[in-house]
Amino acid sequence: MNYQKENAKIIDSWCRSGWEWGTPISHEEFVDAKNGKWDILLTPTKPIPHEWLGDVKNKKVLGLASGGGQQMAILSALGAHCTLLDISKKQCESDELVAKREGYHIEIINGDMTSPWPLADESFDIIVHPVANCYIQDVRFVFRECARVLKKGGILVCGLDNEINCVFNDDQTKICYKLPFNPLEDPKVYEDSIKYDWGIQFSHPIEDQIGGQLAAGFCLTDIFEDTNGYGLLHEYNIPTFYATRTIKKGE
């Protein structure tokens, strides 16, 4: 099966239902960002520190699976030259909507990050990658592509799932699944993924999430944890996500 086509359809359906990560920022939020009042989320509740990105004016930024009219819209307000690569047409449409409303240009590529990217080597200063690689099977490929398209000394900021959500049922009260969580290798997991409208998601260990970045030629400079923002795990302050800042090594 082409699980990415399935995910594209599912994410589009979430957007039509008012998914929070597919809802564009308002005009007021855009103006606030232009005036220096802004935050960017890569995980559910905790914004990344502003110093992770620094001054983005005139920087070339790739929003990797970062559609929805949120992160790229804010960075465009700050003066960055943004490109979006996202598999969801609806997510891309949200960014197009904000760009037209606010009068800036963004290059939008409705594409699959699991295939070679139609982007030139060493062409970006920054990559912004919110939680999304839980929807792909091979995260190491993505990190290698990040290293290819980033300039030396370029910055990669990622939101990452730490696997804990994968083992629980929807109300987070019962452990139901073993790790690794892979719907393509476990018919029961695939059946439940479709039944409960989760999309085709995969668990990834820290060896792939952070080790994969290091193996691709990045240096880790900072990291923090975050929670779901709702539910039992959040109430007990159990981290289910982390965000990383890495820099591509120079020669």
C-alpha atoms as a PDB file:
ATOM      1  CA  MET A   1       0.000   0.000   0.000  1.00  0.00           C
ATOM      2  CA  ASN A   2       1.042   3.626  -0.475  1.00  0.00           C
ATOM      3  CA  TYR A   3       0.573   4.698   3.138  1.00  0.00           C
ATOM      4  CA  GLN A   4       1.486   8.297   2.356  1.00  0.00           C
ATOM      5  CA  LYS A   5      -1.505   8.659   0.022  1.00  0.00           C
ATOM      6  CA  GLU A   6      -3.638   7.371   2.885  1.00  0.00           C
ATOM      7  CA  ASN A   7      -2.095   9.897   5.271  1.00  0.00           C
ATOM      8  CA  ALA A   8      -2.629  12.753   2.822  1.00  0.00           C
ATOM      9  CA  LYS A   9      -6.336  11.926   2.616  1.00  0.00           C
ATOM     10  CA  ILE A  10      -6.660  11.587   6.388  1.00  0.00           C
ATOM     11  CA  ILE A  11      -4.873  14.861   7.156  1.00  0.00           C
ATOM     12  CA  ASP A  12      -7.018  16.635   4.553  1.00  0.00           C
ATOM     13  CA  SER A  13     -10.103  15.300   6.332  1.00  0.00           C
ATOM     14  CA  TRP A  14      -8.804  16.538   9.694  1.00  0.00           C
ATOM     15  CA  CYS A  15      -8.304  19.995   8.193  1.00  0.00           C
ATOM     16  CA  ARG A  16     -11.867  20.052   6.874  1.00  0.00           C
ATOM     17  CA  SER A  17     -13.023  19.214  10.413  1.00  0.00           C
ATOM     18  CA  GLY A  18     -11.192  22.171  11.964  1.00  0.00           C
ATOM     19  CA  TRP A  19      -7.932  20.487  13.059  1.00  0.00           C
ATOM     20  CA  GLU A  20      -5.934  22.915  15.218  1.00  0.00           C
ATOM     21  CA  TRP A  21      -2.731  22.311  13.229  1.00  0.00           C
ATOM     22  CA  GLY A  22      -4.506  23.131   9.977  1.00  0.00           C
ATOM     23  CA  THR A  23      -6.020  26.430  11.132  1.00  0.00           C
ATOM     24  CA  PRO A  24      -4.159  29.484   9.720  1.00  0.00           C
ATOM     25  CA  ILE A  25      -3.055  32.341  11.933  1.00  0.00           C
ATOM     26  CA  SER A  26      -5.269  35.421  11.926  1.00  0.00           C
ATOM     27  CA  HIS A  27      -4.432  38.785  10.391  1.00  0.00           C
ATOM     28  CA  GLU A  28      -3.951  40.122  13.919  1.00  0.00           C
ATOM     29  CA  GLU A  29      -1.415  37.390  14.712  1.00  0.00           C
ATOM     30  CA  PHE A  30       0.425  38.159  11.482  1.00  0.00           C
ATOM     31  CA  VAL A  31       0.619  41.867  12.375  1.00  0.00           C
ATOM     32  CA  ASP A  32       1.785  40.970  15.887  1.00  0.00           C
ATOM     33  CA  ALA A  33       4.600  38.878  14.394  1.00  0.00           C
ATOM     34  CA  LYS A  34       5.677  41.780  12.165  1.00  0.00           C
ATOM     35  CA  ASN A  35       5.842  43.882  15.314  1.00  0.00           C
ATOM     36  CA  GLY A  36       8.014  41.348  17.134  1.00  0.00           C
ATOM     37  CA  LYS A  37       5.330  39.552  19.153  1.00  0.00           C
ATOM     38  CA  TRP A  38       5.405  35.912  18.066  1.00  0.00           C
ATOM     39  CA  ASP A  39       5.925  32.300  19.053  1.00  0.00           C
ATOM     40  CA  ILE A  40       6.354  29.112  17.032  1.00  0.00           C
ATOM     41  CA  LEU A  41       5.188  25.695  18.174  1.00  0.00           C
ATOM     42  CA  LEU A  42       6.843  22.504  16.931  1.00  0.00           C
ATOM     43  CA  THR A  43       5.267  20.419  19.707  1.00  0.00           C
ATOM     44  CA  PRO A  44       1.800  20.807  21.302  1.00  0.00           C
ATOM     45  CA  THR A  45       2.298  23.402  24.046  1.00  0.00           C
ATOM     46  CA  LYS A  46       5.840  24.766  24.420  1.00  0.00           C
ATOM     47  CA  PRO A  47       7.131  27.381  21.931  1.00  0.00           C
ATOM     48  CA  ILE A  48      10.713  27.123  20.770  1.00  0.00           C
ATOM     49  CA  PRO A  49      13.102  29.771  22.146  1.00  0.00           C
ATOM     50  CA  HIS A  50      13.475  32.689  19.742  1.00  0.00           C
ATOM     51  CA  GLU A  51      17.244  32.312  19.882  1.00  0.00           C
ATOM     52  CA  TRP A  52      16.947  28.896  18.242  1.00  0.00           C
ATOM     53  CA  LEU A  53      16.287  30.693  14.954  1.00  0.00           C
ATOM     54  CA  GLY A  54      17.902  34.086  15.519  1.00  0.00           C
ATOM     55  CA  ASP A  55      17.247  36.864  13.014  1.00  0.00           C
ATOM     56  CA  VAL A  56      15.468  35.208  10.078  1.00  0.00           C
ATOM     57  CA  LYS A  57      15.164  38.321   7.894  1.00  0.00           C
ATOM     58  CA  ASN A  58      16.158  37.435   4.306  1.00  0.00           C
ATOM     59  CA  LYS A  59      17.001  33.872   5.360  1.00  0.00           C
ATOM     60  CA  LYS A  60      15.829  30.995   3.177  1.00  0.00           C
ATOM     61  CA  VAL A  61      13.573  28.761   5.291  1.00  0.00           C
ATOM     62  CA  LEU A  62      12.140  25.357   4.406  1.00  0.00           C
ATOM     63  CA  GLY A  63       8.943  24.388   6.216  1.00  0.00           C
ATOM     64  CA  LEU A  64       9.128  20.593   6.180  1.00  0.00           C
ATOM     65  CA  ALA A  65       5.650  19.088   6.669  1.00  0.00           C
ATOM     66  CA  SER A  66       4.912  22.509   8.161  1.00  0.00           C
ATOM     67  CA  GLY A  67       1.684  23.410   6.367  1.00  0.00           C
ATOM     68  CA  GLY A  68      -1.364  24.908   8.007  1.00  0.00           C
ATOM     69  CA  GLY A  69      -0.648  28.613   7.684  1.00  0.00           C
ATOM     70  CA  GLN A  70       1.151  28.828  11.016  1.00  0.00           C
ATOM     71  CA  GLN A  71       4.961  28.507  11.261  1.00  0.00           C
ATOM     72  CA  MET A  72       5.701  29.639   7.696  1.00  0.00           C
ATOM     73  CA  ALA A  73       3.272  32.553   7.986  1.00  0.00           C
ATOM     74  CA  ILE A  74       4.977  33.824  11.137  1.00  0.00           C
ATOM     75  CA  LEU A  75       8.453  33.459   9.636  1.00  0.00           C
ATOM     76  CA  SER A  76       7.296  35.262   6.495  1.00  0.00           C
ATOM     77  CA  ALA A  77       6.048  38.105   8.693  1.00  0.00           C
ATOM     78  CA  LEU A  78       9.550  38.247  10.169  1.00  0.00           C
ATOM     79  CA  GLY A  79      11.065  38.672   6.720  1.00  0.00           C
ATOM     80  CA  ALA A  80      12.150  35.141   5.835  1.00  0.00           C
ATOM     81  CA  HIS A  81      11.890  33.742   2.295  1.00  0.00           C
ATOM     82  CA  CYS A  82       9.886  30.569   2.863  1.00  0.00           C
ATOM     83  CA  THR A  83       9.337  27.346   0.954  1.00  0.00           C
ATOM     84  CA  LEU A  84       6.792  24.759   2.110  1.00  0.00           C
ATOM     85  CA  LEU A  85       6.948  21.017   1.427  1.00  0.00           C
ATOM     86  CA  ASP A  86       3.815  19.246   2.666  1.00  0.00           C
ATOM     87  CA  ILE A  87       1.884  16.181   1.507  1.00  0.00           C
ATOM     88  CA  SER A  88      -1.549  17.562   2.459  1.00  0.00           C
ATOM     89  CA  LYS A  89      -3.283  19.737  -0.140  1.00  0.00           C
ATOM     90  CA  LYS A  90      -5.429  21.306   2.563  1.00  0.00           C
ATOM     91  CA  GLN A  91      -2.382  22.206   4.636  1.00  0.00           C
ATOM     92  CA  CYS A  92      -0.800  23.810   1.577  1.00  0.00           C
ATOM     93  CA  GLU A  93      -4.019  25.720   0.876  1.00  0.00           C
ATOM     94  CA  SER A  94      -3.894  27.213   4.376  1.00  0.00           C
ATOM     95  CA  ASP A  95      -0.448  28.663   3.715  1.00  0.00           C
ATOM     96  CA  GLU A  96      -1.556  29.924   0.319  1.00  0.00           C
ATOM     97  CA  LEU A  97      -4.557  31.606   1.964  1.00  0.00           C
ATOM     98  CA  VAL A  98      -2.426  33.535   4.457  1.00  0.00           C
ATOM     99  CA  ALA A  99       0.120  34.528   1.802  1.00  0.00           C
ATOM    100  CA  LYS A 100      -2.599  35.961  -0.437  1.00  0.00           C
ATOM    101  CA  ARG A 101      -4.318  37.698   2.473  1.00  0.00           C
ATOM    102  CA  GLU A 102      -1.136  39.319   3.780  1.00  0.00           C
ATOM    103  CA  GLY A 103       0.558  39.956   0.430  1.00  0.00           C
ATOM    104  CA  TYR A 104       3.783  37.932   0.641  1.00  0.00           C
ATOM    105  CA  HIS A 105       5.248  35.178  -1.542  1.00  0.00           C
ATOM    106  CA  ILE A 106       5.791  31.594  -0.439  1.00  0.00           C
ATOM    107  CA  GLU A 107       6.877  28.714  -2.653  1.00  0.00           C
ATOM    108  CA  ILE A 108       4.510  25.806  -2.008  1.00  0.00           C
ATOM    109  CA  ILE A 109       5.347  22.223  -2.947  1.00  0.00           C
ATOM    110  CA  ASN A 110       2.586  19.678  -2.380  1.00  0.00           C
ATOM    111  CA  GLY A 111       4.917  16.688  -2.105  1.00  0.00           C
ATOM    112  CA  ASP A 112       6.027  13.636  -0.168  1.00  0.00           C
ATOM    113  CA  MET A 113       9.027  13.982   2.141  1.00  0.00           C
ATOM    114  CA  THR A 114       9.688  10.229   1.891  1.00  0.00           C
ATOM    115  CA  SER A 115      10.769  10.671  -1.762  1.00  0.00           C
ATOM    116  CA  PRO A 116      13.803  12.663  -2.959  1.00  0.00           C
ATOM    117  CA  TRP A 117      13.000  16.349  -2.564  1.00  0.00           C
ATOM    118  CA  PRO A 118      12.834  18.623  -5.636  1.00  0.00           C
ATOM    119  CA  LEU A 119      15.190  21.085  -3.944  1.00  0.00           C
ATOM    120  CA  ALA A 120      18.788  22.062  -4.676  1.00  0.00           C
ATOM    121  CA  ASP A 121      21.752  21.085  -2.507  1.00  0.00           C
ATOM    122  CA  GLU A 122      22.739  23.585   0.198  1.00  0.00           C
ATOM    123  CA  SER A 123      19.945  26.000  -0.701  1.00  0.00           C
ATOM    124  CA  PHE A 124      18.416  26.747   2.736  1.00  0.00           C
ATOM    125  CA  ASP A 125      19.589  28.471   5.908  1.00  0.00           C
ATOM    126  CA  ILE A 126      16.932  26.976   8.213  1.00  0.00           C
ATOM    127  CA  ILE A 127      14.571  23.998   8.209  1.00  0.00           C
ATOM    128  CA  VAL A 128      11.498  24.065  10.451  1.00  0.00           C
ATOM    129  CA  HIS A 129      10.026  20.592  10.968  1.00  0.00           C
ATOM    130  CA  PRO A 130       7.088  20.326  13.424  1.00  0.00           C
ATOM    131  CA  VAL A 131       5.909  16.935  14.721  1.00  0.00           C
ATOM    132  CA  ALA A 132       5.228  15.022  11.512  1.00  0.00           C
ATOM    133  CA  ASN A 133       7.797  12.274  11.053  1.00  0.00           C
ATOM    134  CA  CYS A 134       5.590  10.005  13.168  1.00  0.00           C
ATOM    135  CA  TYR A 135       3.659   9.606   9.874  1.00  0.00           C
ATOM    136  CA  ILE A 136       6.629   8.175   7.966  1.00  0.00           C
ATOM    137  CA  GLN A 137       8.474   4.898   8.248  1.00  0.00           C
ATOM    138  CA  ASP A 138      12.075   5.947   7.553  1.00  0.00           C
ATOM    139  CA  VAL A 139      13.098   9.077   9.460  1.00  0.00           C
ATOM    140  CA  ARG A 140      16.795   8.672   8.691  1.00  0.00           C
ATOM    141  CA  PHE A 141      16.110   9.343   5.006  1.00  0.00           C
ATOM    142  CA  VAL A 142      14.435  12.627   5.951  1.00  0.00           C
ATOM    143  CA  PHE A 143      17.395  13.737   8.052  1.00  0.00           C
ATOM    144  CA  ARG A 144      19.788  12.922   5.204  1.00  0.00           C
ATOM    145  CA  GLU A 145      17.681  15.070   2.864  1.00  0.00           C
ATOM    146  CA  CYS A 146      17.687  17.853   5.466  1.00  0.00           C
ATOM    147  CA  ALA A 147      21.483  17.728   5.516  1.00  0.00           C
ATOM    148  CA  ARG A 148      21.609  17.783   1.716  1.00  0.00           C
ATOM    149  CA  VAL A 149      19.464  20.911   1.238  1.00  0.00           C
ATOM    150  CA  LEU A 150      20.841  22.887   4.214  1.00  0.00           C
ATOM    151  CA  LYS A 151      23.864  25.129   3.870  1.00  0.00           C
ATOM    152  CA  LYS A 152      26.855  24.365   6.074  1.00  0.00           C
ATOM    153  CA  GLY A 153      26.125  25.846   9.481  1.00  0.00           C
ATOM    154  CA  GLY A 154      22.402  25.743   8.692  1.00  0.00           C
ATOM    155  CA  ILE A 155      19.856  25.182  11.447  1.00  0.00           C
ATOM    156  CA  LEU A 156      17.374  22.306  11.743  1.00  0.00           C
ATOM    157  CA  VAL A 157      14.630  22.569  14.367  1.00  0.00           C
ATOM    158  CA  CYS A 158      12.362  19.542  14.852  1.00  0.00           C
ATOM    159  CA  GLY A 159       9.355  18.490  16.884  1.00  0.00           C
ATOM    160  CA  LEU A 160       9.572  14.757  17.622  1.00  0.00           C
ATOM    161  CA  ASP A 161       7.290  12.089  19.107  1.00  0.00           C
ATOM    162  CA  ASN A 162       9.007  10.022  21.801  1.00  0.00           C
ATOM    163  CA  GLU A 163       6.878   6.836  21.229  1.00  0.00           C
ATOM    164  CA  ILE A 164       4.893   6.894  24.500  1.00  0.00           C
ATOM    165  CA  ASN A 165       1.593   7.870  22.866  1.00  0.00           C
ATOM    166  CA  CYS A 166       1.842   4.836  20.580  1.00  0.00           C
ATOM    167  CA  VAL A 167       1.378   2.285  23.356  1.00  0.00           C
ATOM    168  CA  PHE A 168      -1.866   3.709  24.844  1.00  0.00           C
ATOM    169  CA  ASN A 169      -5.518   3.634  23.870  1.00  0.00           C
ATOM    170  CA  ASP A 170      -7.215   6.918  22.920  1.00  0.00           C
ATOM    171  CA  ASP A 171      -8.140   7.948  26.462  1.00  0.00           C
ATOM    172  CA  GLN A 172      -4.623   7.130  27.725  1.00  0.00           C
ATOM    173  CA  THR A 173      -5.838   4.743  30.416  1.00  0.00           C
ATOM    174  CA  LYS A 174      -4.589   1.413  29.096  1.00  0.00           C
ATOM    175  CA  ILE A 175      -1.431   0.097  27.458  1.00  0.00           C
ATOM    176  CA  CYS A 176      -2.604  -1.693  24.318  1.00  0.00           C
ATOM    177  CA  TYR A 177       0.307  -1.863  21.870  1.00  0.00           C
ATOM    178  CA  LYS A 178       3.895  -3.026  21.849  1.00  0.00           C
ATOM    179  CA  LEU A 179       6.787  -1.076  20.411  1.00  0.00           C
ATOM    180  CA  PRO A 180       7.751  -0.682  17.687  1.00  0.00           C
ATOM    181  CA  PHE A 181       4.348   0.549  16.525  1.00  0.00           C
ATOM    182  CA  ASN A 182       4.160  -0.182  12.797  1.00  0.00           C
ATOM    183  CA  PRO A 183       0.804  -0.553  10.991  1.00  0.00           C
ATOM    184  CA  LEU A 184       2.535  -1.928   7.897  1.00  0.00           C
ATOM    185  CA  GLU A 185       3.843  -4.930   9.837  1.00  0.00           C
ATOM    186  CA  ASP A 186       0.976  -5.562  12.278  1.00  0.00           C
ATOM    187  CA  PRO A 187      -2.540  -6.074  10.830  1.00  0.00           C
ATOM    188  CA  LYS A 188      -4.196  -5.309  14.184  1.00  0.00           C
ATOM    189  CA  VAL A 189      -2.354  -1.990  14.473  1.00  0.00           C
ATOM    190  CA  TYR A 190      -3.311  -1.112  10.903  1.00  0.00           C
ATOM    191  CA  GLU A 191      -6.960  -2.029  11.534  1.00  0.00           C
ATOM    192  CA  ASP A 192      -7.104   0.147  14.664  1.00  0.00           C
ATOM    193  CA  SER A 193      -5.302   3.022  12.920  1.00  0.00           C
ATOM    194  CA  ILE A 194      -8.031   3.136  10.282  1.00  0.00           C
ATOM    195  CA  LYS A 195     -10.866   2.470  12.729  1.00  0.00           C
ATOM    196  CA  TYR A 196      -9.864   5.264  15.109  1.00  0.00           C
ATOM    197  CA  ASP A 197      -8.783   7.739  12.394  1.00  0.00           C
ATOM    198  CA  TRP A 198      -5.195   8.022  13.628  1.00  0.00           C
ATOM    199  CA  GLY A 199      -3.556   8.055  10.232  1.00  0.00           C
ATOM    200  CA  ILE A 200      -0.740   5.617   9.467  1.00  0.00           C
ATOM    201  CA  GLN A 201       1.728   6.430  12.233  1.00  0.00           C
ATOM    202  CA  PHE A 202       5.013   4.848  13.289  1.00  0.00           C
ATOM    203  CA  SER A 203       7.024   4.846  16.496  1.00  0.00           C
ATOM    204  CA  HIS A 204      10.686   5.839  16.253  1.00  0.00           C
ATOM    205  CA  PRO A 205      13.333   5.276  18.938  1.00  0.00           C
ATOM    206  CA  ILE A 206      15.774   7.943  20.041  1.00  0.00           C
ATOM    207  CA  GLU A 207      18.480   6.141  18.048  1.00  0.00           C
ATOM    208  CA  ASP A 208      16.636   7.171  14.871  1.00  0.00           C
ATOM    209  CA  GLN A 209      15.174  10.500  15.988  1.00  0.00           C
ATOM    210  CA  ILE A 210      18.365  12.016  17.397  1.00  0.00           C
ATOM    211  CA  GLY A 211      20.905   9.435  16.283  1.00  0.00           C
ATOM    212  CA  GLY A 212      19.605   9.846  12.747  1.00  0.00           C
ATOM    213  CA  GLN A 213      20.295  13.581  12.869  1.00  0.00           C
ATOM    214  CA  LEU A 214      23.803  13.024  14.194  1.00  0.00           C
ATOM    215  CA  ALA A 215      24.526  10.368  11.559  1.00  0.00           C
ATOM    216  CA  ALA A 216      23.365  12.763   8.836  1.00  0.00           C
ATOM    217  CA  GLY A 217      25.990  15.302   9.887  1.00  0.00           C
ATOM    218  CA  PHE A 218      24.243  17.477  12.463  1.00  0.00           C
ATOM    219  CA  CYS A 219      25.436  18.662  15.886  1.00  0.00           C
ATOM    220  CA  LEU A 220      22.840  18.832  18.658  1.00  0.00           C
ATOM    221  CA  THR A 221      22.817  22.250  20.339  1.00  0.00           C
ATOM    222  CA  ASP A 222      19.620  22.196  22.431  1.00  0.00           C
ATOM    223  CA  ILE A 223      16.619  20.055  23.345  1.00  0.00           C
ATOM    224  CA  PHE A 224      13.459  20.225  25.470  1.00  0.00           C
ATOM    225  CA  GLU A 225      10.480  17.994  26.319  1.00  0.00           C
ATOM    226  CA  ASP A 226       6.761  18.689  25.982  1.00  0.00           C
ATOM    227  CA  THR A 227       3.438  17.014  26.804  1.00  0.00           C
ATOM    228  CA  ASN A 228       0.282  16.339  24.780  1.00  0.00           C
ATOM    229  CA  GLY A 229      -1.475  19.353  26.247  1.00  0.00           C
ATOM    230  CA  TYR A 230      -4.488  17.227  27.220  1.00  0.00           C
ATOM    231  CA  GLY A 231      -5.418  13.876  28.742  1.00  0.00           C
ATOM    232  CA  LEU A 232      -4.077  11.707  31.542  1.00  0.00           C
ATOM    233  CA  LEU A 233      -0.439  11.794  30.444  1.00  0.00           C
ATOM    234  CA  HIS A 234      -0.536  15.586  30.368  1.00  0.00           C
ATOM    235  CA  GLU A 235      -2.209  15.731  33.789  1.00  0.00           C
ATOM    236  CA  TYR A 236       0.685  13.701  35.200  1.00  0.00           C
ATOM    237  CA  ASN A 237       3.202  15.868  33.291  1.00  0.00           C
ATOM    238  CA  ILE A 238       4.541  12.886  31.354  1.00  0.00           C
ATOM    239  CA  PRO A 239       6.559  14.099  28.345  1.00  0.00           C
ATOM    240  CA  THR A 240       5.414  12.626  25.040  1.00  0.00           C
ATOM    241  CA  PHE A 241       7.333  14.901  22.658  1.00  0.00           C
ATOM    242  CA  TYR A 242      10.665  16.628  22.434  1.00  0.00           C
ATOM    243  CA  ALA A 243      12.063  19.395  20.271  1.00  0.00           C
ATOM    244  CA  THR A 244      15.632  19.554  19.029  1.00  0.00           C
ATOM    245  CA  ARG A 245      17.880  22.209  17.552  1.00  0.00           C
ATOM    246  CA  THR A 246      20.796  20.942  15.483  1.00  0.00           C
ATOM    247  CA  ILE A 247      23.315  22.594  13.187  1.00  0.00           C
ATOM    248  CA  LYS A 248      24.770  21.104  10.013  1.00  0.00           C
ATOM    249  CA  LYS A 249      28.499  20.616  10.402  1.00  0.00           C
ATOM    250  CA  GLY A 250      30.852  22.666   8.261  1.00  0.00           C
ATOM    251  CA  GLU A 251      34.001  21.350   6.642  1.00  0.00           C
END
